[in-house]
Amino acid sequence: MPTFTALTTLMGEAPAQKLGEAMEILDPAPTGVGVFEVEDGSGLWEVGGYFIESPDGVALDILAAAHGAKPFSISELPETDWVAHVKRELSPVEAGRFFVYGSHDAEKVPSGRIALLIEAAMAFGTGHHGTTLGCLQLFDDLLNSGVRPQSVADIGCGTAVLAMAAAAELDVTAIASDIDQVAVDVARVNADANGLSHKIKCLEAAGFDHPEIVKAGPFDLIFANILKGPLLELAPDMAKNCMDGGTIILSGLLLEQAEDTIATYKKHGFRLSQRRDNHEWTALMFIKS
């Protein structure tokens, strides 16, 4: 069965959300609508819909004009087994002592490494993205320096790969929280699949706003692999929930977003200790002074 996409961009979150809502009442209706910020600091937002019937181009043109968006680009996607495609394309990820793999690569797991099973069809954070890879590399660097954190939180955990890396290496129970309940459910499945469910507590929470997170803190290691905007907003809470001398590892950042993030966290008592750049993405490690 063919699949069609209709994509456009416009400035601002509120107009983008309104356009996304308006798309849902089209005839034929889309099977799904997505509204995402373009991660280049431009302020642009992308609005897109998926259709199993060819969408009404005239109706889309009217919607775009009414909401100040660019004309929709409509494409027909070829029929593809995307899960099989992803499995073929995504090879295991190696980040120091950590080896992140899908079940289709189970025979490739080397001895003497911390192996983390993450299926490619799961939520964000398989390890292949430059942000997740950078966080794992920085965590490996931290461990190599002799630091052994005793309390860990993974804020905006996605698949919980970072929480699992900490739980697998350290004698800790790691907090893995996300604002999206689907991600929390995925985190629980992954923790169980890796035999780590007894060492990871999965919670639905916005930032640190959960009684169990408050009770478990302050932390001497906090991961937050999200986006620049939320990271800047979290800076005061990050300072409150990180121990003096503790470490935070942040990503979800484009290279050009690093300096603003560094400056903001410096104002809240953190000093940059290291960074890892992977293509257009960067991961930052700070120590709380």
Protein backbone atom coordinates (compact mmCIF):
# COMPACT_ATOMS: atom_id res chain seq x y z
CA MET A 1 0.00 0.00 0.00
CA PRO A 2 1.53 3.37 -0.96
CA THR A 3 2.20 6.01 1.66
CA PHE A 4 2.15 9.75 1.02
CA THR A 5 3.77 12.53 2.99
CA ALA A 6 2.96 16.24 3.03
CA LEU A 7 5.57 18.50 4.65
CA THR A 8 5.91 22.22 5.22
CA THR A 9 7.72 24.68 7.49
CA LEU A 10 6.76 27.90 9.25
CA MET A 11 8.01 30.15 12.01
CA GLY A 12 7.01 29.59 15.62
CA GLU A 13 5.69 26.75 17.73
CA ALA A 14 2.15 28.08 18.29
CA PRO A 15 1.37 28.57 14.56
CA ALA A 16 2.89 25.17 13.81
CA GLN A 17 0.73 23.46 16.42
CA LYS A 18 -2.40 25.16 15.03
CA LEU A 19 -1.55 24.03 11.50
CA GLY A 20 -0.99 20.49 12.75
CA GLU A 21 -4.41 20.50 14.42
CA ALA A 22 -6.02 21.83 11.23
CA MET A 23 -4.47 19.02 9.18
CA GLU A 24 -6.21 16.39 11.29
CA ILE A 25 -9.64 17.29 9.88
CA LEU A 26 -8.62 17.03 6.22
CA ASP A 27 -10.43 14.66 3.86
CA PRO A 28 -8.78 12.27 3.24
CA ALA A 29 -7.48 12.44 6.79
CA PRO A 30 -3.83 11.80 7.57
CA THR A 31 -2.98 8.67 9.53
CA GLY A 32 -0.60 10.76 11.59
CA VAL A 33 0.53 14.37 12.02
CA GLY A 34 3.85 15.51 13.43
CA VAL A 35 5.03 18.95 14.57
CA PHE A 36 8.76 19.33 15.20
CA GLU A 37 11.23 22.15 15.78
CA VAL A 38 13.96 22.34 13.14
CA GLU A 39 17.15 21.91 15.18
CA ASP A 40 19.22 24.61 13.54
CA GLY A 41 18.42 27.61 15.74
CA SER A 42 16.36 29.26 12.98
CA GLY A 43 13.03 29.20 14.83
CA LEU A 44 11.47 27.18 12.01
CA TRP A 45 9.04 24.35 12.76
CA GLU A 46 8.19 21.45 10.46
CA VAL A 47 4.64 20.19 10.13
CA GLY A 48 3.99 16.94 8.31
CA GLY A 49 1.31 14.37 7.73
CA TYR A 50 1.25 10.75 6.55
CA PHE A 51 -1.55 9.57 4.26
CA ILE A 52 -2.59 6.20 2.88
CA GLU A 53 -4.52 8.01 0.13
CA SER A 54 -3.19 10.79 -2.05
CA PRO A 55 -3.82 13.99 -0.06
CA ASP A 56 -5.89 16.89 -1.37
CA GLY A 57 -3.24 19.28 -2.67
CA VAL A 58 -5.66 22.21 -3.01
CA ALA A 59 -6.82 21.83 0.59
CA LEU A 60 -3.22 21.70 1.76
CA ASP A 61 -2.36 24.83 -0.22
CA ILE A 62 -5.24 26.66 1.46
CA LEU A 63 -4.14 25.51 4.90
CA ALA A 64 -0.56 26.57 4.26
CA ALA A 65 -1.60 30.02 3.08
CA ALA A 66 -4.01 30.48 5.99
CA HIS A 67 -1.32 29.67 8.55
CA GLY A 68 1.59 31.51 6.95
CA ALA A 69 3.45 28.35 5.98
CA LYS A 70 5.37 27.46 2.86
CA PRO A 71 3.44 25.37 0.30
CA PHE A 72 3.30 21.70 1.25
CA SER A 73 5.68 19.32 -0.48
CA ILE A 74 3.81 16.10 -1.28
CA SER A 75 5.71 12.87 -1.92
CA GLU A 76 4.79 9.24 -2.46
CA LEU A 77 7.01 6.88 -0.49
CA PRO A 78 8.04 3.53 -1.92
CA GLU A 79 6.82 0.41 -0.17
CA THR A 80 9.65 -0.56 2.17
CA ASP A 81 10.03 -2.88 5.13
CA TRP A 82 11.53 -0.14 7.27
CA VAL A 83 12.32 -2.32 10.26
CA ALA A 84 14.28 -4.74 8.07
CA HIS A 85 15.95 -1.79 6.34
CA VAL A 86 17.02 -0.24 9.64
CA LYS A 87 18.37 -3.53 10.90
CA ARG A 88 20.50 -3.87 7.76
CA GLU A 89 21.79 -0.31 7.95
CA LEU A 90 22.47 0.07 11.68
CA SER A 91 25.62 -1.67 12.79
CA PRO A 92 26.60 -1.96 16.48
CA VAL A 93 27.89 1.17 18.21
CA GLU A 94 31.11 1.12 20.19
CA ALA A 95 31.81 3.84 22.75
CA GLY A 96 34.78 2.86 24.88
CA ARG A 97 33.72 -0.05 27.10
CA PHE A 98 30.12 0.13 25.86
CA PHE A 99 28.78 -1.91 22.94
CA VAL A 100 25.22 -1.06 21.83
CA TYR A 101 23.59 -3.55 19.50
CA GLY A 102 20.29 -4.86 18.12
CA SER A 103 19.21 -8.49 18.46
CA HIS A 104 20.09 -9.05 14.79
CA ASP A 105 23.75 -8.44 15.75
CA ALA A 106 23.81 -10.57 18.91
CA GLU A 107 26.55 -12.78 17.49
CA LYS A 108 28.86 -9.74 17.16
CA VAL A 109 28.99 -8.90 20.86
CA PRO A 110 32.66 -9.03 21.91
CA SER A 111 33.81 -10.41 25.22
CA GLY A 112 34.92 -8.03 27.93
CA ARG A 113 32.56 -5.22 26.91
CA ILE A 114 29.39 -3.86 28.49
CA ALA A 115 26.78 -4.93 25.96
CA LEU A 116 23.48 -3.05 25.81
CA LEU A 117 20.64 -4.44 23.71
CA ILE A 118 18.52 -1.71 22.07
CA GLU A 119 16.19 -2.55 19.19
CA ALA A 120 16.26 -0.14 16.26
CA ALA A 121 12.46 0.17 16.25
CA MET A 122 12.43 1.56 19.79
CA ALA A 123 12.20 5.21 20.89
CA PHE A 124 14.95 7.78 20.40
CA GLY A 125 18.36 6.76 21.70
CA THR A 126 19.67 3.66 19.96
CA GLY A 127 23.24 4.89 20.34
CA HIS A 128 23.70 5.61 16.64
CA HIS A 129 22.74 9.27 16.90
CA GLY A 130 25.68 11.60 17.51
CA THR A 131 24.18 12.92 20.75
CA THR A 132 23.73 9.51 22.40
CA LEU A 133 27.12 8.35 21.17
CA GLY A 134 28.73 11.48 22.61
CA CYS A 135 27.10 10.93 26.01
CA LEU A 136 28.34 7.33 26.14
CA GLN A 137 31.83 8.43 25.15
CA LEU A 138 31.92 11.09 27.86
CA PHE A 139 30.64 8.63 30.45
CA ASP A 140 33.40 6.22 29.45
CA ASP A 141 35.92 9.06 29.77
CA LEU A 142 34.56 9.86 33.25
CA LEU A 143 34.94 6.24 34.34
CA ASN A 144 38.45 6.10 32.90
CA SER A 145 39.37 9.11 35.06
CA GLY A 146 38.56 7.05 38.15
CA VAL A 147 35.22 8.64 39.03
CA ARG A 148 32.57 6.15 40.23
CA PRO A 149 29.24 7.96 40.67
CA GLN A 150 26.98 6.67 43.44
CA SER A 151 23.68 8.25 42.36
CA VAL A 152 22.54 8.62 38.75
CA ALA A 153 19.61 10.20 36.91
CA ASP A 154 18.85 10.06 33.17
CA ILE A 155 16.48 12.96 32.48
CA GLY A 156 14.63 12.65 29.16
CA CYS A 157 15.78 9.05 28.96
CA GLY A 158 14.27 7.88 25.65
CA THR A 159 15.33 4.24 25.43
CA ALA A 160 17.17 4.59 28.78
CA VAL A 161 20.45 3.52 27.14
CA LEU A 162 22.39 6.00 29.31
CA ALA A 163 20.72 4.89 32.53
CA MET A 164 21.41 1.29 31.54
CA ALA A 165 25.06 2.04 30.84
CA ALA A 166 25.38 3.48 34.36
CA ALA A 167 23.43 0.65 35.99
CA ALA A 168 25.46 -1.99 34.18
CA GLU A 169 28.80 -0.49 35.19
CA LEU A 170 28.07 0.90 38.66
CA ASP A 171 26.56 -0.40 41.86
CA VAL A 172 23.64 2.03 41.68
CA THR A 173 19.93 2.17 41.03
CA ALA A 174 19.57 4.72 38.24
CA ILE A 175 16.55 6.95 37.71
CA ALA A 176 15.31 6.97 34.09
CA SER A 177 12.62 9.59 33.51
CA ASP A 178 10.89 11.00 30.47
CA ILE A 179 8.01 13.36 29.81
CA ASP A 180 6.62 10.85 27.26
CA GLN A 181 4.89 7.80 28.73
CA VAL A 182 5.71 5.79 25.59
CA ALA A 183 9.42 6.39 26.22
CA VAL A 184 8.97 5.33 29.85
CA ASP A 185 7.33 2.10 28.72
CA VAL A 186 10.15 1.49 26.23
CA ALA A 187 12.70 2.17 28.96
CA ARG A 188 11.09 -0.50 31.16
CA VAL A 189 11.13 -3.04 28.31
CA ASN A 190 14.79 -2.31 27.58
CA ALA A 191 15.79 -2.53 31.23
CA ASP A 192 14.09 -5.91 31.47
CA ALA A 193 15.66 -7.16 28.21
CA ASN A 194 19.10 -6.29 29.56
CA GLY A 195 18.52 -7.86 32.98
CA LEU A 196 18.66 -4.44 34.64
CA SER A 197 15.05 -3.87 35.73
CA HIS A 198 16.09 -4.25 39.40
CA LYS A 199 18.63 -1.41 38.99
CA ILE A 200 16.59 1.12 36.98
CA LYS A 201 13.55 3.05 38.17
CA CYS A 202 11.52 4.32 35.19
CA LEU A 203 9.33 7.36 35.83
CA GLU A 204 7.13 9.73 33.83
CA ALA A 205 8.22 13.25 34.76
CA ALA A 206 8.94 16.67 33.33
CA GLY A 207 12.53 17.41 34.28
CA PHE A 208 13.06 16.76 37.98
CA ASP A 209 9.39 17.24 38.84
CA HIS A 210 8.63 13.94 40.53
CA PRO A 211 8.67 13.07 44.25
CA GLU A 212 10.78 9.95 43.68
CA ILE A 213 13.40 11.98 41.79
CA VAL A 214 13.50 14.55 44.58
CA LYS A 215 13.78 11.78 47.17
CA ALA A 216 16.64 10.05 45.29
CA GLY A 217 18.62 13.28 44.76
CA PRO A 218 20.84 15.12 44.79
CA PHE A 219 22.79 13.14 42.21
CA ASP A 220 26.48 12.99 41.48
CA LEU A 221 25.84 12.09 37.82
CA ILE A 222 23.00 13.43 35.67
CA PHE A 223 22.48 12.70 31.98
CA ALA A 224 20.19 14.93 29.92
CA ASN A 225 20.13 14.20 26.20
CA ILE A 226 17.24 16.37 25.03
CA LEU A 227 17.31 19.72 23.17
CA LYS A 228 18.92 23.12 23.71
CA GLY A 229 15.74 24.91 24.80
CA PRO A 230 14.78 22.46 27.56
CA LEU A 231 18.43 22.16 28.63
CA LEU A 232 18.68 25.91 29.18
CA GLU A 233 15.39 25.93 31.08
CA LEU A 234 16.62 23.04 33.25
CA ALA A 235 19.86 24.76 34.26
CA PRO A 236 18.59 26.07 37.65
CA ASP A 237 17.02 22.72 38.54
CA MET A 238 20.15 20.95 37.35
CA ALA A 239 22.17 22.99 39.85
CA LYS A 240 19.73 22.17 42.65
CA ASN A 241 19.73 18.44 41.91
CA CYS A 242 23.44 17.92 41.29
CA MET A 243 25.80 17.42 44.24
CA ASP A 244 28.72 19.75 44.71
CA GLY A 245 31.54 18.21 42.71
CA GLY A 246 29.03 16.15 40.75
CA THR A 247 28.97 15.66 36.99
CA ILE A 248 26.34 16.39 34.37
CA ILE A 249 26.51 15.14 30.77
CA LEU A 250 24.34 17.09 28.34
CA SER A 251 23.53 16.65 24.66
CA GLY A 252 20.84 17.07 22.04
CA LEU A 253 22.93 20.03 20.92
CA LEU A 254 24.18 21.16 17.54
CA LEU A 255 27.78 22.37 17.43
CA GLU A 256 26.70 26.00 17.14
CA GLN A 257 24.49 25.67 20.24
CA ALA A 258 27.35 24.66 22.51
CA GLU A 259 28.59 28.13 23.49
CA ASP A 260 25.18 29.38 24.68
CA THR A 261 24.74 26.22 26.70
CA ILE A 262 28.20 26.46 28.23
CA ALA A 263 27.62 30.12 29.18
CA THR A 264 24.25 29.36 30.78
CA TYR A 265 25.55 26.47 32.85
CA LYS A 266 28.58 28.49 33.92
CA LYS A 267 26.19 31.04 35.43
CA HIS A 268 24.63 28.25 37.48
CA GLY A 269 27.87 27.04 39.00
CA PHE A 270 29.13 24.51 36.46
CA ARG A 271 32.47 24.40 34.68
CA LEU A 272 32.99 22.61 31.38
CA SER A 273 35.36 19.69 31.83
CA GLN A 274 35.15 18.01 28.43
CA ARG A 275 33.19 17.84 25.19
CA ARG A 276 32.77 15.30 22.39
CA ASP A 277 31.78 16.34 18.87
CA ASN A 278 30.26 13.82 16.47
CA HIS A 279 29.52 15.29 13.05
CA GLU A 280 27.16 18.26 13.63
CA TRP A 281 26.34 17.28 17.23
CA THR A 282 28.12 17.92 20.50
CA ALA A 283 27.97 16.44 23.99
CA LEU A 284 29.18 18.44 27.00
CA MET A 285 30.40 17.30 30.40
CA PHE A 286 30.33 19.74 33.32
CA ILE A 287 31.47 19.60 36.94
CA LYS A 288 29.48 21.48 39.59
CA SER A 289 31.91 23.82 41.34
